[in-house]
Amino acid sequence: MRRMAGVFTVLMVAASVTPSHAAGRAGGQIGGIVKRAQQFHDLQITDEDEQKIGAAVSERIRERYGVVQDPAIHKYVTLVGSALAQHSERPQIAWKFIVLDTDGVNALAAPGGYVHITRGALSLMHNEAELASVLGHEIIHVTEKHTIRAIQKGKAIQMGADETMASPGIFNKIVDKATEAVMAGFGRSEELEADEKGIVVASKTGYDPKGLGAFLSTLAERNKSSSGKNGLFASHPEMDERLKKLDKTIADQKLAGSAVLEARLHENVTYKPVPLASVTTVEKGAAGLAGDSGKKAEGGEGSKESAGNKDGDQSKSADAGKKKKGFGLSKLMGGGGGSTEQKSAETMGSQAGRGVDVERDAKGGSNPAMVTVKVTPAEITAFKKDGKLS
C-alpha cells in the first residue's frame, strides 16, 4: 500500500509538470514550422519563365557542342519539327530546332521548345520517318515539361518569401539544375512516355510510327561492342522493353502513318556516320571544348574520319543547299570561377565516372551561334503536301 502511494505521488507530480512543458515545446515547434513556411514558397514556373530557362539551357548546350553553321540543314530539320509540333499539345510554343556540331549521336530537349539533334544522329538515319520519330520523342519531353517537373519534384531550389524568378541567383540555380537534368537524361517512366507519345505525334503527322524502333535498332548495332550505355542509351530503359512497348502502342492505338521519305532525307542530310570507336571525346577537366584537348574513344584508330566528315560533308551540304530548289532546301553546373567551357568539360567528365559516355562526351565544334531560319506557314503546308503528310 505504501508502494502504491509512492507511485501515485510520482504520477501526480508528473501530471502537474508535464502538460505545461509539453505545451510549451509543441508551441515552439509549431511556431518554427509556420515561420519556415512563411520564409519559403514553392517554385512556380510560368510558360514565360520556362522559355527563358530553355533559352539559357540551350545556350549552354550550344557552347558545349557547337552549332552546324548551315541554314539549309536547319531549315530542313525545322520543317520536319514544325510539322510535328502542329500535332503536339503545345503547338503555340516558339519551337526552335538546332543541329549540334558533333559526331556524337544524341538528341536533347530544353524547356520552352528548344530541341537539339546532333550531326552524328542525323548521319545514322535512313529516312525522314526516323528523324520525325526522334524529334517527336524530344518534343514530348517539352510538352510534358519533364525538366521543369523534375526540378519542382526534387525541391532542390527554394525561393525566399521576397524572391522571384527574376532574382539572378534563383534563376541561375534553376538553369544549373535544368541543364543537369537535360544532360543527364530522364528516368525510365519519362523516356517511355516520350517514346509512346512521340510516335503518336509522328503518326498523326503522317509518318510511319515504326521509325523510332528502326533508329533504336541502328543505335543498338552501333553500341553492340560497347561495355557501357552511350548517349541516347545512357538513361533510357532496356532496348527490348522499349521496342516491345513501341510495337504494343502501334497495335493498340492502330497508328496508321505510312510516310517514310527516304529520298527526301538523303537530299538534305549528307553527313557520313563516324564509328563509335573513332569519335573524339573531351577529357575530364579540359580547358576548352573546341580546342585540341580531346582524345579518341577507346579502341579508336584516329579522328581523321571525323574531322574530314565535319569539314568536308558540312561544306558540301551547305553548297548543295544553295543549288537545291523546293524541298531540296536552297561549368554546366556550379557557380564558381572558370570559363563556361571549362565547367562544361569538367561536368562532362564527372558524369562519365562510371565510364566514358562517348556520345555525350564527344568533342564539339567551335561556333555556338544560333542559326536562325525563317519557316512560314505556307512553306510548312507545301512541305507536308510534298511528303503526303497531314
Protein backbone atom coordinates (compact mmCIF):
# COMPACT_ATOMS: atom_id res chain seq x y z
CA MET A 1 0.00 0.00 0.00
CA ARG A 2 2.86 2.32 0.83
CA ARG A 3 4.46 1.44 -2.52
CA MET A 4 1.27 2.26 -4.44
CA ALA A 5 1.06 5.62 -2.71
CA GLY A 6 4.58 6.40 -3.81
CA VAL A 7 3.75 5.62 -7.40
CA PHE A 8 0.61 7.72 -7.18
CA THR A 9 2.64 10.66 -5.84
CA VAL A 10 5.14 10.41 -8.70
CA LEU A 11 2.34 10.32 -11.24
CA MET A 12 0.71 13.36 -9.69
CA VAL A 13 3.96 15.29 -9.82
CA ALA A 14 4.45 14.33 -13.45
CA ALA A 15 0.90 15.32 -14.27
CA SER A 16 1.37 18.68 -12.63
CA VAL A 17 4.54 19.46 -14.58
CA THR A 18 4.32 17.72 -17.98
CA PRO A 19 1.34 19.48 -19.65
CA SER A 20 2.73 22.98 -19.40
CA HIS A 21 6.21 21.92 -20.54
CA ALA A 22 4.80 19.79 -23.37
CA ALA A 23 2.55 22.61 -24.49
CA GLY A 24 5.49 24.98 -24.48
CA ARG A 25 7.63 22.64 -26.57
CA ALA A 26 4.80 21.88 -29.00
CA GLY A 27 4.02 25.56 -29.35
CA GLY A 28 7.65 26.30 -30.11
CA GLN A 29 7.84 23.56 -32.74
CA ILE A 30 4.63 24.68 -34.46
CA GLY A 31 5.80 28.27 -34.39
CA GLY A 32 9.08 27.25 -36.02
CA ILE A 33 7.29 25.32 -38.77
CA VAL A 34 4.97 28.23 -39.50
CA LYS A 35 7.91 30.63 -39.57
CA ARG A 36 9.82 28.43 -42.03
CA ALA A 37 6.71 28.05 -44.20
CA GLN A 38 6.43 31.84 -44.33
CA GLN A 39 10.10 32.17 -45.28
CA PHE A 40 9.89 29.92 -48.37
CA HIS A 41 7.36 29.23 -51.08
CA ASP A 42 7.12 26.56 -53.76
CA LEU A 43 8.86 27.02 -57.08
CA GLN A 44 6.26 28.23 -59.57
CA ILE A 45 7.35 28.44 -63.22
CA THR A 46 5.15 30.10 -65.83
CA ASP A 47 5.32 29.39 -69.57
CA GLU A 48 7.27 32.64 -69.99
CA ASP A 49 9.71 31.55 -67.27
CA GLU A 50 10.05 28.17 -68.95
CA GLN A 51 11.01 29.78 -72.25
CA LYS A 52 13.68 31.91 -70.56
CA ILE A 53 15.08 28.86 -68.77
CA GLY A 54 15.12 26.91 -72.02
CA ALA A 55 16.95 29.70 -73.83
CA ALA A 56 19.66 29.71 -71.16
CA VAL A 57 19.96 25.90 -71.14
CA SER A 58 20.16 25.85 -74.95
CA GLU A 59 22.96 28.42 -74.83
CA ARG A 60 24.98 26.10 -72.58
CA ILE A 61 24.31 23.10 -74.79
CA ARG A 62 25.38 25.07 -77.87
CA GLU A 63 28.55 26.23 -76.11
CA ARG A 64 29.25 22.60 -75.24
CA TYR A 65 28.83 21.11 -78.72
CA GLY A 66 28.82 24.00 -81.20
CA VAL A 67 26.23 24.51 -83.93
CA VAL A 68 26.41 23.44 -87.57
CA GLN A 69 26.54 26.76 -89.44
CA ASP A 70 24.41 25.62 -92.36
CA PRO A 71 20.99 27.28 -92.84
CA ALA A 72 19.88 24.57 -95.29
CA ILE A 73 20.10 21.68 -92.82
CA HIS A 74 18.49 23.80 -90.11
CA LYS A 75 15.61 24.69 -92.40
CA TYR A 76 15.01 21.05 -93.28
CA VAL A 77 15.04 19.88 -89.66
CA THR A 78 12.87 22.85 -88.67
CA LEU A 79 10.28 21.97 -91.33
CA VAL A 80 10.08 18.38 -90.05
CA GLY A 81 9.91 19.55 -86.44
CA SER A 82 7.33 22.25 -87.17
CA ALA A 83 5.04 19.78 -88.95
CA LEU A 84 5.22 17.53 -85.86
CA ALA A 85 4.75 20.38 -83.38
CA GLN A 86 1.43 21.29 -85.02
CA HIS A 87 0.10 17.93 -83.80
CA SER A 88 1.56 18.27 -80.29
CA GLU A 89 -0.28 19.51 -77.21
CA ARG A 90 1.64 22.80 -77.25
CA PRO A 91 1.68 23.99 -80.87
CA GLN A 92 1.77 27.63 -79.77
CA ILE A 93 5.33 27.41 -78.44
CA ALA A 94 8.02 29.23 -80.45
CA TRP A 95 9.74 25.93 -81.31
CA LYS A 96 13.41 26.01 -82.28
CA PHE A 97 15.24 23.07 -83.85
CA ILE A 98 19.03 23.16 -83.63
CA VAL A 99 21.65 20.91 -85.25
CA LEU A 100 24.67 20.45 -82.96
CA ASP A 101 28.13 20.18 -84.49
CA THR A 102 29.39 16.89 -83.09
CA ASP A 103 29.92 13.30 -84.24
CA GLY A 104 28.31 12.08 -81.00
CA VAL A 105 24.85 10.60 -81.56
CA ASN A 106 22.37 12.37 -79.32
CA ALA A 107 19.24 14.50 -79.07
CA LEU A 108 18.46 16.92 -76.23
CA ALA A 109 15.28 18.85 -75.39
CA ALA A 110 15.50 22.02 -73.30
CA PRO A 111 12.36 23.57 -71.75
CA GLY A 112 10.31 26.03 -73.75
CA GLY A 113 10.64 24.36 -77.15
CA TYR A 114 14.41 24.11 -77.75
CA VAL A 115 15.05 20.78 -79.49
CA HIS A 116 18.64 19.84 -80.33
CA ILE A 117 19.83 16.98 -82.52
CA THR A 118 23.43 16.19 -83.35
CA ARG A 119 25.05 15.90 -86.73
CA GLY A 120 26.08 12.40 -85.65
CA ALA A 121 22.46 11.37 -85.08
CA LEU A 122 21.40 12.70 -88.48
CA SER A 123 24.20 10.74 -90.15
CA LEU A 124 22.76 7.42 -88.89
CA MET A 125 19.21 7.98 -90.11
CA HIS A 126 17.88 6.08 -93.09
CA ASN A 127 14.73 8.08 -93.75
CA GLU A 128 12.65 11.05 -92.65
CA ALA A 129 10.31 8.88 -90.56
CA GLU A 130 13.27 8.08 -88.28
CA LEU A 131 14.11 11.78 -87.96
CA ALA A 132 10.47 12.57 -87.20
CA SER A 133 10.30 9.89 -84.51
CA VAL A 134 13.40 11.21 -82.70
CA LEU A 135 12.20 14.82 -82.91
CA GLY A 136 8.77 13.66 -81.75
CA HIS A 137 10.34 11.99 -78.71
CA GLU A 138 12.13 15.22 -77.79
CA ILE A 139 9.01 17.31 -78.40
CA ILE A 140 7.19 15.23 -75.80
CA HIS A 141 9.89 15.96 -73.21
CA VAL A 142 8.98 19.63 -73.74
CA THR A 143 5.19 19.33 -73.91
CA GLU A 144 5.10 17.16 -70.77
CA LYS A 145 7.51 19.57 -69.02
CA HIS A 146 9.75 16.72 -67.89
CA THR A 147 12.66 19.02 -67.00
CA ILE A 148 10.53 21.55 -65.13
CA ARG A 149 8.72 18.85 -63.18
CA ALA A 150 11.99 17.17 -62.26
CA ILE A 151 13.22 20.43 -60.71
CA GLN A 152 9.96 21.05 -58.86
CA LYS A 153 9.69 17.47 -57.63
CA GLY A 154 13.28 17.43 -56.41
CA LYS A 155 12.68 20.57 -54.32
CA ALA A 156 16.39 21.33 -54.61
CA ILE A 157 15.59 25.01 -55.04
CA GLN A 158 13.55 27.07 -52.58
CA MET A 159 12.73 30.71 -53.03
CA GLY A 160 12.60 33.12 -50.16
CA ALA A 161 9.32 34.92 -49.48
CA ASP A 162 10.61 38.03 -51.24
CA GLU A 163 12.40 36.22 -54.09
CA THR A 164 11.09 35.63 -57.61
CA MET A 165 12.31 34.03 -60.80
CA ALA A 166 13.74 37.43 -61.71
CA SER A 167 16.29 37.10 -58.91
CA PRO A 168 19.61 36.35 -60.67
CA GLY A 169 20.73 33.88 -58.01
CA ILE A 170 17.49 31.88 -58.20
CA PHE A 171 17.39 31.95 -62.00
CA ASN A 172 20.98 30.75 -62.32
CA LYS A 173 20.35 27.90 -59.87
CA ILE A 174 17.30 26.81 -61.86
CA VAL A 175 19.26 26.93 -65.12
CA ASP A 176 22.02 24.87 -63.49
CA LYS A 177 19.53 22.22 -62.37
CA ALA A 178 17.69 22.23 -65.69
CA THR A 179 20.92 21.81 -67.63
CA GLU A 180 21.96 18.96 -65.37
CA ALA A 181 18.60 17.23 -65.91
CA VAL A 182 18.75 17.62 -69.69
CA MET A 183 22.34 16.40 -69.96
CA ALA A 184 21.93 13.51 -67.52
CA GLY A 185 18.75 12.25 -69.18
CA PHE A 186 15.36 11.44 -67.73
CA GLY A 187 14.03 8.49 -65.79
CA ARG A 188 12.50 5.31 -67.17
CA SER A 189 8.89 6.49 -66.98
CA GLU A 190 9.61 9.80 -68.72
CA GLU A 191 11.52 8.08 -71.51
CA LEU A 192 8.80 5.50 -72.12
CA GLU A 193 6.21 8.30 -72.13
CA ALA A 194 8.26 10.22 -74.70
CA ASP A 195 8.57 7.06 -76.81
CA GLU A 196 4.85 6.34 -76.77
CA LYS A 197 3.52 9.88 -77.22
CA GLY A 198 6.29 10.75 -79.66
CA ILE A 199 5.34 8.06 -82.18
CA VAL A 200 1.67 9.05 -81.79
CA VAL A 201 2.58 12.61 -82.81
CA ALA A 202 4.69 11.27 -85.70
CA SER A 203 1.83 9.06 -86.89
CA LYS A 204 -0.71 11.89 -86.67
CA THR A 205 1.61 13.91 -88.88
CA GLY A 206 1.57 11.05 -91.39
CA TYR A 207 4.92 9.40 -90.67
CA ASP A 208 5.44 5.68 -90.27
CA PRO A 209 5.48 5.19 -86.46
CA LYS A 210 7.96 2.32 -86.82
CA GLY A 211 10.67 4.90 -87.48
CA LEU A 212 11.70 5.15 -83.83
CA GLY A 213 12.11 1.39 -83.44
CA ALA A 214 14.20 1.28 -86.61
CA PHE A 215 16.50 4.05 -85.39
CA LEU A 216 16.87 2.48 -81.95
CA SER A 217 17.86 -0.79 -83.62
CA THR A 218 20.55 1.10 -85.55
CA LEU A 219 21.84 2.52 -82.26
CA ALA A 220 21.85 -0.94 -80.71
CA GLU A 221 24.01 -2.19 -83.57
CA ARG A 222 26.34 0.80 -83.17
CA ASN A 223 26.70 0.13 -79.44
CA LYS A 224 26.90 -3.66 -79.51
CA SER A 225 30.65 -3.74 -78.80
CA SER A 226 30.48 -1.06 -76.11
CA SER A 227 30.58 -2.09 -72.44
CA GLY A 228 28.53 0.90 -71.32
CA LYS A 229 25.42 2.80 -72.37
CA ASN A 230 26.08 5.84 -74.53
CA GLY A 231 24.14 8.99 -75.38
CA LEU A 232 20.55 8.07 -76.04
CA PHE A 233 21.19 4.80 -74.19
CA ALA A 234 22.62 6.36 -71.04
CA SER A 235 19.36 6.72 -69.13
CA HIS A 236 16.80 5.02 -71.30
CA PRO A 237 15.01 1.76 -70.47
CA GLU A 238 16.40 -1.51 -71.75
CA MET A 239 16.15 -1.87 -75.52
CA ASP A 240 13.96 -4.99 -75.64
CA GLU A 241 11.44 -3.36 -73.33
CA ARG A 242 11.33 -0.19 -75.38
CA LEU A 243 10.86 -1.99 -78.69
CA LYS A 244 8.08 -4.19 -77.29
CA LYS A 245 6.25 -1.18 -75.87
CA LEU A 246 6.59 0.65 -79.18
CA ASP A 247 5.06 -2.30 -81.05
CA LYS A 248 2.25 -2.52 -78.49
CA THR A 249 1.47 1.20 -78.81
CA ILE A 250 1.33 0.92 -82.60
CA ALA A 251 -1.02 -2.07 -82.37
CA ASP A 252 -3.23 -0.83 -79.52
CA GLN A 253 -3.71 2.66 -80.95
CA LYS A 254 -3.84 1.45 -84.55
CA LEU A 255 -1.27 4.02 -85.64
CA ALA A 256 -1.50 4.20 -89.39
CA GLY A 257 1.04 6.77 -90.59
CA SER A 258 2.87 5.50 -93.65
CA ALA A 259 5.26 8.21 -94.92
CA VAL A 260 8.92 7.13 -94.88
CA LEU A 261 10.51 9.67 -97.27
CA GLU A 262 13.95 8.13 -97.60
CA ALA A 263 14.90 10.11 -100.68
CA ARG A 264 13.96 13.46 -99.16
CA LEU A 265 16.12 12.83 -96.09
CA HIS A 266 19.15 11.96 -98.21
CA GLU A 267 18.62 15.03 -100.40
CA ASN A 268 19.06 17.17 -97.31
CA VAL A 269 21.30 15.16 -94.98
CA THR A 270 24.71 14.31 -96.43
CA TYR A 271 26.68 13.53 -93.26
CA LYS A 272 28.51 10.22 -93.03
CA PRO A 273 28.44 8.26 -89.75
CA VAL A 274 31.58 8.04 -87.65
CA PRO A 275 32.11 4.68 -85.89
CA LEU A 276 31.79 4.85 -82.12
CA ALA A 277 35.45 3.92 -81.67
CA SER A 278 36.54 6.87 -83.82
CA VAL A 279 34.57 9.59 -82.04
CA THR A 280 36.87 12.08 -80.33
CA THR A 281 35.87 12.80 -76.73
CA VAL A 282 36.56 15.63 -74.28
CA GLU A 283 38.81 14.75 -71.36
CA LYS A 284 37.80 15.48 -67.79
CA GLY A 285 38.95 18.94 -66.77
CA ALA A 286 39.74 20.01 -70.33
CA ALA A 287 40.26 23.76 -70.52
CA GLY A 288 38.48 24.20 -73.82
CA LEU A 289 35.86 22.11 -75.59
CA ALA A 290 36.67 23.39 -79.03
CA GLY A 291 40.43 23.16 -78.77
CA ASP A 292 42.86 20.24 -79.05
CA SER A 293 42.08 18.78 -75.66
CA GLY A 294 40.10 15.81 -76.93
CA LYS A 295 41.07 12.18 -77.20
CA LYS A 296 39.83 9.35 -79.36
CA ALA A 297 37.36 6.90 -77.91
CA GLU A 298 38.93 3.76 -76.51
CA GLY A 299 39.80 1.43 -79.35
CA GLY A 300 39.64 4.24 -81.93
CA GLU A 301 42.09 4.50 -84.78
CA GLY A 302 42.04 8.25 -85.07
CA SER A 303 39.75 11.19 -85.66
CA LYS A 304 40.75 11.76 -89.26
CA GLU A 305 37.46 10.40 -90.48
CA SER A 306 35.58 12.60 -88.02
CA ALA A 307 37.44 15.76 -89.00
CA GLY A 308 37.01 15.05 -92.69
CA ASN A 309 33.33 14.41 -92.23
CA LYS A 310 32.72 17.61 -90.29
CA ASP A 311 34.59 19.91 -92.63
CA GLY A 312 34.05 18.22 -95.97
CA ASP A 313 30.49 16.98 -95.71
CA GLN A 314 29.27 20.07 -93.90
CA SER A 315 30.58 22.39 -96.57
CA LYS A 316 29.27 20.01 -99.22
CA SER A 317 25.86 20.19 -97.58
CA ALA A 318 25.98 23.99 -97.50
CA ASP A 319 26.93 24.15 -101.20
CA ALA A 320 24.25 21.66 -102.10
CA GLY A 321 21.69 23.68 -100.17
CA LYS A 322 22.40 26.75 -102.31
CA LYS A 323 21.77 24.81 -105.54
CA LYS A 324 18.62 22.97 -104.50
CA LYS A 325 15.12 24.22 -105.05
CA GLY A 326 11.82 23.41 -103.40
CA PHE A 327 12.37 20.84 -100.70
CA GLY A 328 15.99 20.27 -101.54
CA LEU A 329 16.07 23.41 -99.31
CA SER A 330 18.07 26.30 -101.07
CA LYS A 331 30.54 24.92 -65.83
CA LEU A 332 27.24 23.19 -66.89
CA MET A 333 26.76 23.09 -63.10
CA GLY A 334 28.17 25.27 -60.35
CA GLY A 335 28.71 28.96 -59.80
CA GLY A 336 32.45 29.03 -59.16
CA GLY A 337 35.20 30.55 -61.23
CA GLY A 338 36.43 29.42 -64.59
CA SER A 339 35.06 29.65 -68.11
CA THR A 340 31.76 28.12 -69.17
CA GLU A 341 33.65 25.73 -71.43
CA GLN A 342 35.90 24.60 -68.58
CA LYS A 343 32.91 23.99 -66.31
CA SER A 344 31.19 22.10 -69.12
CA ALA A 345 34.21 19.89 -69.69
CA GLU A 346 34.55 19.13 -66.00
CA THR A 347 30.87 18.30 -65.70
CA MET A 348 31.03 16.00 -68.69
CA GLY A 349 33.98 14.24 -67.14
CA SER A 350 32.31 13.80 -63.74
CA GLN A 351 29.13 12.44 -65.29
CA ALA A 352 31.21 9.80 -67.04
CA GLY A 353 32.58 8.50 -63.73
CA ARG A 354 31.10 5.10 -64.45
CA GLY A 355 32.97 5.07 -67.76
CA VAL A 356 33.33 7.41 -70.71
CA ASP A 357 29.99 8.11 -72.39
CA VAL A 358 31.35 8.50 -75.90
CA GLU A 359 28.24 10.10 -77.36
CA ARG A 360 27.72 12.67 -74.59
CA ASP A 361 31.42 13.34 -74.08
CA ALA A 362 32.02 13.75 -77.81
CA LYS A 363 34.05 16.75 -78.87
CA GLY A 364 32.02 19.59 -80.33
CA GLY A 365 32.51 22.36 -82.85
CA SER A 366 33.81 25.84 -82.10
CA ASN A 367 30.86 28.02 -83.12
CA PRO A 368 27.88 28.13 -80.70
CA ALA A 369 25.95 30.80 -82.63
CA MET A 370 22.31 30.04 -83.26
CA VAL A 371 21.43 29.62 -86.94
CA THR A 372 18.17 31.47 -87.44
CA VAL A 373 15.94 30.27 -90.25
CA LYS A 374 12.50 31.53 -91.16
CA VAL A 375 9.83 28.95 -91.91
CA THR A 376 6.46 30.33 -92.99
CA PRO A 377 3.10 28.58 -92.59
CA ALA A 378 2.91 28.35 -96.38
CA GLU A 379 6.26 26.55 -96.51
CA ILE A 380 5.17 24.09 -93.83
CA THR A 381 1.95 23.41 -95.76
CA ALA A 382 3.87 22.87 -99.00
CA PHE A 383 6.42 20.65 -97.21
CA LYS A 384 3.64 18.46 -95.83
CA LYS A 385 1.90 18.27 -99.21
CA ASP A 386 5.13 17.26 -100.93
CA GLY A 387 5.58 14.39 -98.44
CA LYS A 388 1.88 13.47 -98.32
CA LEU A 389 1.78 14.38 -94.64
CA SER A 390 -1.13 15.68 -92.61
